């Protein structure tokens, strides 16, 4: 009888202690999991994504506005060289045509200025294009125009050997190349072949024709995801119109940055050391609505999340701060995709291209972004289960020890 009573007391005490332990474990787990701690951890993860993307955007924006597109000095020297040459040779800007010997002489004089522009602005290319006697308006669909000019490219702007051995000529007449002593690239062409798609040239010209009173800076135009005719190298360009004394455009002066060079300035590893995130430089015109076009991407996440698509829909409203939920064009089983969108300010307000939007996007999937909070959640659940099992075993032992005098 006493043994049965002892067992009953032991069992009741074990259950009582186990219930108390379970309540403590569930209260702790509920406080952490449901009390906002995990939400705060997820918000911290999004804040870190936003902060790192913003810092990288600020760096790129500073380079784009203050260094790469700073053509003020060279606008003056190029324009003065052209003006003086035309006066000395009794020419007009309409005489600057392909294969013209005097135009070749002028481009030879401009060669050092273009090289200096590349070195000073730390860009991968610099070029000048003359319109000659061609129409200034954009070509009709299917129409091609041949314009003269000179185009240098340097695939590694960090290295600047004194003999210019790192340079290649992309566009320029064969007569000019013989005097410059700079090799031609594999896709070299003697002239610029212009079509309706060449906004790098016709967009600033159209803006200058529409309002010649604007400053050259306000007439400057950024173009992303561009390639020269017949060339496969993807580039970003900035161009300003060249204006004659009457305020009429006769060509453009511009710089380029290759996509490969820009990728080196967008290290995705700073977003996630595990390399599951990406930087994405995007752009959209006013007519594109809410859809961005990709310019340069660096990191594995873009291809993994979006495949071969080069258009990106981030929705209209952020879900937190500047974090948007991206909408891939196809379901690739990646779950939710999060994007920190940091817009650039490249143009002054109320200027011809102020409606064009550029942004740097820090992109990752939810699993990678919230990996820490998810590991904390799993750890708390695991710890709760272990505590329950271990506590139950210890409760049994404790009950047995404390009820032993009853037996005896």
Protein backbone atom coordinates (compact mmCIF):
# COMPACT_ATOMS: atom_id res chain seq x y z
CA UNK A 1 0.00 0.00 0.00
CA UNK A 2 2.81 2.33 0.94
CA UNK A 3 4.59 1.55 -2.39
CA UNK A 4 1.49 2.49 -4.36
CA UNK A 5 1.13 5.70 -2.41
CA UNK A 6 4.80 6.48 -2.99
CA UNK A 7 4.46 5.88 -6.73
CA UNK A 8 1.37 8.11 -6.83
CA UNK A 9 3.14 10.92 -5.04
CA UNK A 10 6.21 10.53 -7.23
CA UNK A 11 4.12 10.61 -10.40
CA UNK A 12 2.09 13.64 -9.31
CA UNK A 13 5.21 15.54 -8.28
CA UNK A 14 6.89 14.71 -11.60
CA UNK A 15 3.87 15.94 -13.56
CA UNK A 16 3.68 19.12 -11.45
CA UNK A 17 7.35 19.94 -11.95
CA UNK A 18 7.16 19.12 -15.68
CA UNK A 19 4.16 21.41 -16.13
CA UNK A 20 5.98 24.27 -14.37
CA UNK A 21 9.06 23.70 -16.53
CA UNK A 22 6.98 23.52 -19.70
CA UNK A 23 5.23 26.78 -18.85
CA UNK A 24 8.56 28.48 -18.30
CA UNK A 25 9.96 27.17 -21.59
CA UNK A 26 6.86 28.15 -23.58
CA UNK A 27 6.75 31.59 -21.97
CA UNK A 28 10.41 32.19 -22.89
CA UNK A 29 10.00 30.87 -26.44
CA UNK A 30 6.76 32.79 -26.91
CA UNK A 31 8.33 36.01 -25.66
CA UNK A 32 11.22 35.69 -28.13
CA UNK A 33 9.29 34.30 -31.11
CA UNK A 34 6.05 36.25 -30.74
CA UNK A 35 7.13 39.28 -28.75
CA UNK A 36 8.73 41.13 -31.66
CA UNK A 37 12.34 40.03 -31.20
CA UNK A 38 12.45 38.15 -34.52
CA UNK A 39 10.71 41.03 -36.26
CA UNK A 40 13.41 43.35 -34.94
CA UNK A 41 16.12 40.99 -36.18
CA UNK A 42 14.51 40.93 -39.64
CA UNK A 43 14.26 44.73 -39.64
CA UNK A 44 17.93 44.93 -38.68
CA UNK A 45 18.79 42.67 -41.63
CA UNK A 46 16.86 44.96 -43.99
CA UNK A 47 18.47 48.05 -42.43
CA UNK A 48 21.93 46.58 -43.04
CA UNK A 49 21.03 45.80 -46.68
CA UNK A 50 19.76 49.37 -47.14
CA UNK A 51 22.77 50.97 -45.46
CA UNK A 52 25.33 49.06 -47.52
CA UNK A 53 23.46 49.70 -50.75
CA UNK A 54 23.16 53.40 -49.91
CA UNK A 55 26.88 53.71 -49.18
CA UNK A 56 27.76 52.06 -52.48
CA UNK A 57 25.23 54.25 -54.31
CA UNK A 58 26.71 57.40 -52.79
CA UNK A 59 30.16 56.40 -54.01
CA UNK A 60 28.99 55.65 -57.56
CA UNK A 61 26.85 58.78 -57.72
CA UNK A 62 29.80 60.91 -56.62
CA UNK A 63 31.98 59.36 -59.31
CA UNK A 64 29.34 59.78 -62.01
CA UNK A 65 28.55 63.41 -61.19
CA UNK A 66 31.87 64.82 -60.00
CA UNK A 67 34.47 62.87 -61.94
CA UNK A 68 33.32 60.78 -64.88
CA UNK A 69 30.92 63.34 -66.38
CA UNK A 70 33.06 66.40 -65.59
CA UNK A 71 33.75 67.57 -69.15
CA UNK A 72 33.92 71.31 -68.46
CA UNK A 73 37.64 71.73 -69.08
CA UNK A 74 37.65 69.61 -72.23
CA UNK A 75 34.51 71.16 -73.66
CA UNK A 76 36.39 74.45 -73.73
CA UNK A 77 39.63 73.10 -75.21
CA UNK A 78 37.94 70.90 -77.81
CA UNK A 79 35.58 73.68 -78.91
CA UNK A 80 38.43 76.18 -79.15
CA UNK A 81 40.59 73.76 -81.13
CA UNK A 82 37.76 73.09 -83.57
CA UNK A 83 36.95 76.79 -83.91
CA UNK A 84 40.56 77.76 -84.56
CA UNK A 85 41.08 74.94 -87.07
CA UNK A 86 37.96 75.82 -89.02
CA UNK A 87 38.98 79.51 -89.22
CA UNK A 88 42.51 78.67 -90.35
CA UNK A 89 41.28 76.33 -93.09
CA UNK A 90 38.24 78.32 -94.17
CA UNK A 91 35.88 75.50 -93.22
CA UNK A 92 32.56 75.09 -91.43
CA UNK A 93 31.35 72.34 -89.15
CA UNK A 94 29.44 70.84 -92.10
CA UNK A 95 32.79 70.10 -93.76
CA UNK A 96 33.81 67.67 -90.99
CA UNK A 97 33.11 64.46 -92.93
CA UNK A 98 34.52 60.93 -93.03
CA UNK A 99 37.70 60.46 -95.11
CA UNK A 100 38.26 64.21 -95.42
CA UNK A 101 42.02 64.91 -95.11
CA UNK A 102 41.54 68.15 -93.20
CA UNK A 103 39.12 66.48 -90.77
CA UNK A 104 41.82 63.87 -90.15
CA UNK A 105 44.24 66.67 -89.24
CA UNK A 106 41.72 68.13 -86.80
CA UNK A 107 41.14 64.77 -85.12
CA UNK A 108 44.90 64.33 -84.81
CA UNK A 109 45.03 67.61 -82.90
CA UNK A 110 42.21 66.44 -80.63
CA UNK A 111 43.87 63.09 -79.89
CA UNK A 112 45.92 64.25 -76.90
CA UNK A 113 42.90 66.00 -75.40
CA UNK A 114 40.84 62.80 -75.53
CA UNK A 115 43.65 60.81 -73.94
CA UNK A 116 43.99 63.45 -71.21
CA UNK A 117 40.23 63.29 -70.64
CA UNK A 118 40.42 59.52 -70.14
CA UNK A 119 43.32 59.76 -67.71
CA UNK A 120 41.94 62.67 -65.68
CA UNK A 121 38.39 61.31 -65.37
CA UNK A 122 39.49 57.68 -64.85
CA UNK A 123 37.12 56.35 -67.52
CA UNK A 124 37.53 53.45 -69.93
CA UNK A 125 36.90 55.48 -73.07
CA UNK A 126 36.60 58.95 -74.57
CA UNK A 127 35.32 60.01 -77.97
CA UNK A 128 34.35 62.91 -80.18
CA UNK A 129 31.86 62.65 -83.05
CA UNK A 130 31.20 65.24 -85.76
CA UNK A 131 27.88 65.44 -87.56
CA UNK A 132 29.23 66.89 -90.82
CA UNK A 133 26.46 67.65 -93.29
CA UNK A 134 24.12 64.93 -92.05
CA UNK A 135 20.72 65.85 -90.55
CA UNK A 136 20.78 66.50 -86.80
CA UNK A 137 17.50 64.68 -86.29
CA UNK A 138 17.32 60.99 -85.38
CA UNK A 139 17.50 58.63 -88.40
CA UNK A 140 14.40 56.88 -89.66
CA UNK A 141 13.99 53.16 -88.85
CA UNK A 142 16.45 51.16 -90.95
CA UNK A 143 18.49 54.22 -91.94
CA UNK A 144 22.25 54.34 -91.34
CA UNK A 145 24.49 57.36 -91.27
CA UNK A 146 28.28 57.46 -91.38
CA UNK A 147 29.89 60.08 -89.17
CA UNK A 148 33.52 60.93 -88.55
CA UNK A 149 35.26 61.12 -85.21
CA UNK A 150 37.77 59.48 -82.89
CA UNK A 151 37.16 56.95 -80.12
CA UNK A 152 39.74 55.63 -77.65
CA UNK A 153 39.23 52.77 -75.19
CA UNK A 154 41.28 51.62 -72.21
CA UNK A 155 40.04 48.41 -70.60
CA UNK A 156 42.08 49.08 -67.45
CA UNK A 157 41.88 52.78 -66.51
CA UNK A 158 43.76 52.17 -63.25
CA UNK A 159 46.97 51.53 -65.18
CA UNK A 160 48.29 54.54 -67.13
CA UNK A 161 51.59 53.79 -68.91
CA UNK A 162 53.34 56.86 -70.31
CA UNK A 163 53.59 55.39 -73.83
CA UNK A 164 49.80 54.85 -74.07
CA UNK A 165 50.37 51.18 -74.80
CA UNK A 166 47.15 50.34 -72.97
CA UNK A 167 44.96 52.25 -75.45
CA UNK A 168 43.09 51.01 -78.50
CA UNK A 169 41.27 52.87 -81.23
CA UNK A 170 37.63 51.88 -81.65
CA UNK A 171 36.69 54.44 -84.28
CA UNK A 172 38.93 56.55 -86.50
CA UNK A 173 40.09 56.64 -90.11
CA UNK A 174 42.98 54.46 -91.23
CA UNK A 175 44.93 57.60 -92.24
CA UNK A 176 44.59 58.89 -88.70
CA UNK A 177 45.72 55.59 -87.18
CA UNK A 178 48.96 55.70 -89.13
CA UNK A 179 49.91 58.98 -87.49
CA UNK A 180 48.68 58.19 -83.96
CA UNK A 181 50.74 55.00 -83.53
CA UNK A 182 48.00 53.45 -81.39
CA UNK A 183 46.68 50.00 -82.34
CA UNK A 184 43.12 49.44 -83.49
CA UNK A 185 40.75 47.16 -81.62
CA UNK A 186 39.43 43.94 -83.15
CA UNK A 187 36.06 45.61 -83.87
CA UNK A 188 37.58 48.81 -85.21
CA UNK A 189 35.67 50.78 -87.80
CA UNK A 190 36.83 53.90 -89.69
CA UNK A 191 33.55 55.75 -89.06
CA UNK A 192 30.66 55.84 -86.61
CA UNK A 193 27.62 54.02 -88.00
CA UNK A 194 24.57 55.71 -86.51
CA UNK A 195 21.03 54.35 -86.41
CA UNK A 196 17.78 55.33 -84.70
CA UNK A 197 18.92 53.37 -81.60
CA UNK A 198 21.96 55.59 -80.97
CA UNK A 199 20.49 57.78 -78.25
CA UNK A 200 24.00 58.51 -76.92
CA UNK A 201 24.36 60.80 -79.94
CA UNK A 202 20.90 61.99 -80.95
CA UNK A 203 19.41 62.54 -77.47
CA UNK A 204 21.76 65.43 -76.49
CA UNK A 205 21.52 66.87 -80.01
CA UNK A 206 17.72 66.90 -79.83
CA UNK A 207 17.84 68.54 -76.40
CA UNK A 208 20.22 71.24 -77.70
CA UNK A 209 18.02 71.92 -80.71
CA UNK A 210 14.97 72.17 -78.47
CA UNK A 211 16.56 74.64 -76.02
CA UNK A 212 20.04 75.94 -76.98
CA UNK A 213 20.03 78.31 -73.97
CA UNK A 214 20.59 75.45 -71.52
CA UNK A 215 24.07 74.85 -70.13
CA UNK A 216 26.11 72.00 -71.55
CA UNK A 217 25.84 70.21 -68.20
CA UNK A 218 22.03 70.32 -68.41
CA UNK A 219 22.24 68.95 -71.95
CA UNK A 220 24.42 66.01 -70.86
CA UNK A 221 22.92 62.54 -71.26
CA UNK A 222 23.66 59.23 -69.52
CA UNK A 223 22.97 56.09 -71.53
CA UNK A 224 23.17 52.59 -70.09
CA UNK A 225 23.40 49.13 -71.59
CA UNK A 226 24.80 50.39 -74.90
CA UNK A 227 27.18 48.89 -77.46
CA UNK A 228 28.84 50.41 -80.50
CA UNK A 229 27.52 49.20 -83.83
CA UNK A 230 29.05 45.76 -84.51
CA UNK A 231 30.67 45.61 -81.05
CA UNK A 232 29.78 43.25 -78.20
CA UNK A 233 31.32 45.26 -75.36
CA UNK A 234 28.54 46.59 -73.11
CA UNK A 235 29.16 50.17 -72.00
CA UNK A 236 27.62 53.09 -70.13
CA UNK A 237 28.15 56.47 -71.80
CA UNK A 238 27.83 60.14 -70.99
CA UNK A 239 27.67 62.66 -73.82
CA UNK A 240 27.37 66.43 -74.18
CA UNK A 241 26.71 68.29 -77.44
CA UNK A 242 29.41 70.37 -79.09
CA UNK A 243 27.96 73.81 -79.95
CA UNK A 244 29.09 76.33 -82.56
CA UNK A 245 29.14 80.10 -82.11
CA UNK A 246 25.48 80.34 -83.16
CA UNK A 247 24.42 77.85 -80.50
CA UNK A 248 23.80 75.02 -82.96
CA UNK A 249 25.10 71.51 -82.19
CA UNK A 250 27.61 69.96 -84.60
CA UNK A 251 28.62 66.79 -82.70
CA UNK A 252 29.18 65.34 -79.25
CA UNK A 253 31.97 64.87 -76.74
CA UNK A 254 31.62 61.83 -74.51
CA UNK A 255 33.08 59.23 -72.18
CA UNK A 256 32.38 55.54 -71.64
CA UNK A 257 32.60 53.05 -68.79
CA UNK A 258 32.60 49.38 -69.66
CA UNK A 259 30.25 47.08 -67.78
CA UNK A 260 33.24 44.96 -66.71
CA UNK A 261 34.91 47.98 -65.10
CA UNK A 262 31.71 49.00 -63.32
CA UNK A 263 31.38 45.50 -61.87
CA UNK A 264 34.70 45.96 -60.11
CA UNK A 265 33.18 49.01 -58.40
CA UNK A 266 30.08 47.07 -57.24
CA UNK A 267 31.46 44.24 -55.04
CA UNK A 268 28.45 42.11 -54.12
CA UNK A 269 30.46 40.38 -51.38
CA UNK A 270 30.00 43.45 -49.17
CA UNK A 271 26.25 42.73 -49.16
CA UNK A 272 26.68 39.09 -48.16
CA UNK A 273 30.01 37.31 -47.53
CA UNK A 274 28.30 34.07 -48.60
CA UNK A 275 27.87 35.57 -52.10
CA UNK A 276 24.12 35.08 -52.19
CA UNK A 277 23.35 38.75 -52.96
CA UNK A 278 23.87 41.03 -55.96
CA UNK A 279 24.27 44.65 -56.90
CA UNK A 280 22.18 45.77 -59.84
CA UNK A 281 22.54 49.10 -61.63
CA UNK A 282 19.24 49.90 -63.33
CA UNK A 283 17.70 52.68 -65.39
CA UNK A 284 14.30 53.56 -66.75
CA UNK A 285 12.89 56.21 -69.05
CA UNK A 286 9.61 58.04 -68.30
CA UNK A 287 7.80 55.87 -70.86
CA UNK A 288 8.87 52.64 -69.11
CA UNK A 289 6.40 53.00 -66.24
CA UNK A 290 7.53 51.06 -63.20
CA UNK A 291 9.79 48.64 -65.08
CA UNK A 292 13.55 49.10 -64.77
CA UNK A 293 16.05 47.92 -67.36
CA UNK A 294 19.23 46.31 -66.12
CA UNK A 295 22.47 48.14 -66.92
CA UNK A 296 25.15 46.27 -64.96
CA UNK A 297 24.81 43.39 -62.52
CA UNK A 298 27.39 41.86 -60.21
CA UNK A 299 26.76 38.80 -58.07
CA UNK A 300 25.07 35.42 -58.52
CA UNK A 301 21.67 36.39 -57.11
CA UNK A 302 20.45 38.25 -60.21
CA UNK A 303 20.77 35.32 -62.58
CA UNK A 304 19.56 32.85 -59.95
CA UNK A 305 16.47 34.91 -59.14
CA UNK A 306 15.63 36.42 -62.53
CA UNK A 307 17.22 34.08 -65.08
CA UNK A 308 18.05 35.74 -68.40
CA UNK A 309 15.51 38.55 -67.97
CA UNK A 310 16.89 42.09 -68.14
CA UNK A 311 13.76 43.88 -66.92
CA UNK A 312 12.85 44.24 -63.26
CA UNK A 313 9.57 45.02 -61.53
CA UNK A 314 9.90 46.12 -57.91
CA UNK A 315 6.31 47.19 -57.33
CA UNK A 316 5.05 50.64 -56.35
CA UNK A 317 5.23 50.62 -52.56
CA UNK A 318 8.08 49.59 -50.24
CA UNK A 319 7.40 46.97 -47.60
CA UNK A 320 9.84 48.55 -45.15
CA UNK A 321 11.89 51.74 -45.54
CA UNK A 322 13.38 51.56 -49.03
CA UNK A 323 13.02 47.76 -49.23
CA UNK A 324 10.76 46.52 -52.03
CA UNK A 325 9.56 43.04 -52.84
CA UNK A 326 10.74 42.22 -56.33
CA UNK A 327 8.57 40.36 -58.80
CA UNK A 328 10.57 37.98 -61.03
CA UNK A 329 9.16 37.41 -64.51
CA UNK A 330 8.90 33.68 -63.80
CA UNK A 331 8.58 31.52 -60.71
CA UNK A 332 11.96 29.91 -60.11
CA UNK A 333 11.10 28.57 -56.67
CA UNK A 334 13.20 31.17 -54.92
CA UNK A 335 10.53 32.47 -52.56
CA UNK A 336 10.33 36.17 -51.83
CA UNK A 337 12.95 38.46 -53.34
CA UNK A 338 13.93 41.66 -51.54
CA UNK A 339 15.51 44.74 -53.08
CA UNK A 340 16.91 47.90 -51.52
CA UNK A 341 16.45 50.59 -54.19
CA UNK A 342 18.67 53.67 -53.88
CA UNK A 343 17.95 56.30 -56.58
CA UNK A 344 20.67 58.46 -58.12
CA UNK A 345 20.43 62.19 -58.70
CA UNK A 346 22.31 62.69 -61.96
CA UNK A 347 20.38 65.61 -63.45
CA UNK A 348 19.18 68.99 -62.30
CA UNK A 349 15.45 69.48 -61.96
CA UNK A 350 13.43 70.57 -65.01
CA UNK A 351 16.16 69.64 -67.48
CA UNK A 352 15.65 67.54 -70.64
CA UNK A 353 16.62 64.22 -69.04
CA UNK A 354 15.49 64.73 -65.44
CA UNK A 355 12.70 62.19 -66.00
CA UNK A 356 15.26 59.44 -66.57
CA UNK A 357 15.73 57.41 -63.38
CA UNK A 358 18.89 55.58 -62.34
CA UNK A 359 19.17 53.47 -59.20
CA UNK A 360 21.45 51.01 -57.48
CA UNK A 361 19.66 47.93 -56.20
CA UNK A 362 20.90 45.60 -53.48
CA UNK A 363 19.17 42.30 -54.24
CA UNK A 364 18.79 39.06 -52.28
CA UNK A 365 16.26 36.35 -51.46
CA UNK A 366 14.44 36.08 -48.14
CA UNK A 367 16.24 32.92 -47.08
CA UNK A 368 19.63 34.62 -47.30
CA UNK A 369 18.48 37.97 -45.93
CA UNK A 370 16.83 36.52 -42.85
CA UNK A 371 19.26 33.64 -42.32
CA UNK A 372 20.33 34.93 -38.88
CA UNK A 373 16.79 35.46 -37.54
CA UNK A 374 15.76 32.07 -38.86
CA UNK A 375 18.76 30.43 -37.17
CA UNK A 376 17.81 32.18 -33.91
CA UNK A 377 14.24 30.88 -34.25
CA UNK A 378 15.42 27.34 -34.89
CA UNK A 379 17.88 27.58 -32.01
CA UNK A 380 15.19 28.72 -29.56
CA UNK A 381 12.81 25.93 -30.62
CA UNK A 382 15.58 23.35 -30.34
CA UNK A 383 16.63 24.69 -26.94
CA UNK A 384 13.00 24.59 -25.76
CA UNK A 385 12.57 20.95 -26.78
CA UNK A 386 15.88 19.94 -25.20
CA UNK A 387 14.95 21.78 -22.01
CA UNK A 388 11.59 20.02 -21.87
CA UNK A 389 13.09 16.56 -22.33
CA UNK A 390 15.96 17.18 -19.95
CA UNK A 391 13.66 18.86 -17.41
CA UNK A 392 11.22 15.95 -17.46
CA UNK A 393 14.03 13.48 -16.80
CA UNK A 394 15.41 15.61 -13.97
CA UNK A 395 11.88 16.04 -12.52
CA UNK A 396 11.52 12.26 -12.34
CA UNK A 397 14.85 11.92 -10.56
CA UNK A 398 14.09 14.78 -8.20
CA UNK A 399 10.65 13.38 -7.34
CA UNK A 400 12.11 9.97 -6.67
CA UNK A 401 14.77 11.42 -4.38
CA UNK A 402 12.39 13.63 -2.41
CA UNK A 403 9.80 10.88 -1.95
CA UNK A 404 12.32 8.25 -0.82
CA UNK A 405 11.72 8.98 2.91
CA UNK A 406 8.07 8.10 2.43
CA UNK A 407 9.07 4.59 1.39
CA UNK A 408 11.23 4.18 4.34
